[in-house]
Protein backbone atom coordinates (compact mmCIF):
# COMPACT_ATOMS: atom_id res chain seq x y z
CA MET A 1 138.36 -50.00 29.86
CA ASN A 2 142.36 -48.93 30.38
CA LYS A 3 145.00 -50.09 28.60
CA ASN A 4 145.96 -53.30 31.08
CA ASP A 5 142.14 -54.00 30.46
CA LEU A 6 142.59 -54.38 26.48
CA ILE A 7 145.64 -55.99 27.30
CA GLN A 8 144.10 -58.98 29.35
CA LYS A 9 140.99 -58.68 26.98
CA LEU A 10 143.52 -59.47 24.17
CA ALA A 11 144.83 -62.30 25.80
CA ASP A 12 142.19 -64.05 26.71
CA THR A 13 140.41 -63.96 23.34
CA THR A 14 143.56 -64.72 21.13
CA GLY A 15 144.91 -67.45 23.79
CA LEU A 16 148.04 -65.28 23.37
CA ALA A 17 150.65 -64.90 26.50
CA LYS A 18 149.77 -61.62 28.35
CA ASN A 19 153.21 -60.63 26.95
CA ASP A 20 152.83 -61.17 23.49
CA ALA A 21 149.76 -58.84 24.03
CA ALA A 22 151.08 -56.24 25.44
CA LYS A 23 153.84 -56.13 22.67
CA ALA A 24 151.22 -56.21 20.22
CA VAL A 25 149.50 -53.75 21.70
CA ASP A 26 151.94 -51.06 22.32
CA GLY A 27 153.41 -52.14 18.91
CA VAL A 28 150.13 -50.88 17.18
CA PHE A 29 149.89 -47.56 19.20
CA ASN A 30 153.70 -47.27 17.84
CA LEU A 31 152.54 -47.44 14.58
CA ILE A 32 150.04 -45.35 14.73
CA GLU A 33 151.88 -42.29 16.83
CA GLY A 34 154.78 -42.90 13.93
CA ALA A 35 152.07 -42.44 10.96
CA LEU A 36 150.36 -39.39 12.70
CA LYS A 37 153.92 -37.77 13.53
CA ALA A 38 154.93 -38.52 9.37
CA GLY A 39 151.66 -36.65 8.34
CA ASP A 40 149.51 -39.48 7.50
CA GLU A 41 146.56 -40.32 8.34
CA VAL A 42 145.35 -44.33 9.34
CA ARG A 43 142.15 -45.36 8.19
CA LEU A 44 140.81 -48.70 9.83
CA THR A 45 138.13 -49.95 7.62
CA GLY A 46 135.34 -50.39 9.57
CA PHE A 47 136.62 -48.81 12.47
CA GLY A 48 137.79 -45.29 11.97
CA VAL A 49 140.45 -42.79 10.67
CA PHE A 50 143.40 -41.27 12.83
CA VAL A 51 144.02 -37.78 11.27
CA VAL A 52 146.13 -34.91 12.49
CA ALA A 53 144.02 -31.62 12.73
CA GLN A 54 146.15 -28.14 12.41
CA ARG A 55 144.79 -25.85 15.65
CA ALA A 56 145.19 -22.31 15.25
CA GLY A 57 146.93 -19.90 17.46
CA GLY A 58 145.64 -16.87 18.93
CA LYS A 59 144.95 -14.80 21.77
CA GLY A 60 144.05 -15.64 24.99
CA ARG A 61 143.25 -14.57 28.80
CA ASN A 62 145.43 -16.18 32.04
CA PRO A 63 142.16 -16.52 34.10
CA GLN A 64 143.82 -16.15 37.19
CA THR A 65 145.36 -12.64 36.25
CA GLY A 66 143.18 -11.89 33.28
CA GLU A 67 146.64 -10.77 31.33
CA GLU A 68 146.36 -11.49 27.54
CA ILE A 69 148.28 -14.46 26.41
CA THR A 70 149.38 -16.04 23.36
CA ILE A 71 148.31 -19.23 21.89
CA LYS A 72 150.58 -21.07 19.41
CA PRO A 73 149.40 -22.67 16.67
CA SER A 74 149.39 -26.86 17.56
CA LYS A 75 148.72 -30.09 15.89
CA GLN A 76 146.21 -31.99 17.61
CA PRO A 77 145.20 -35.85 16.99
CA ARG A 78 141.69 -36.66 16.05
CA PHE A 79 139.53 -39.46 15.31
CA ARG A 80 136.25 -40.27 13.29
CA PRO A 81 134.87 -43.37 13.83
CA GLY A 82 133.27 -45.38 10.53
CA LYS A 83 129.99 -46.23 9.62
CA GLN A 84 130.49 -49.85 11.18
CA LEU A 85 131.73 -48.52 14.38
CA LYS A 86 128.89 -45.95 14.68
CA ASP A 87 126.22 -48.32 13.59
CA ALA A 88 127.47 -50.99 16.17
CA LEU A 89 126.81 -48.48 18.88
CA ASN A 90 123.19 -47.46 17.79
């Protein structure tokens, strides 16, 4: 399922107009992104938790040339599923 499919299913399920469903989906994504940028976690009880994980830098190699490169530290979004979501899948 892609974003357009999600919007269409939300519109069908809730009876919202497709434009309103698109605004709702975009709004939720923007709020999650904003919270993660601020360093907060987004905890959706029964679904899961979105967190920011720090990824350490280090040394690596360019596979084409074999030249050693430096990999910068970065922040990565992570999702930890909640128990109810895990149980629903198993």
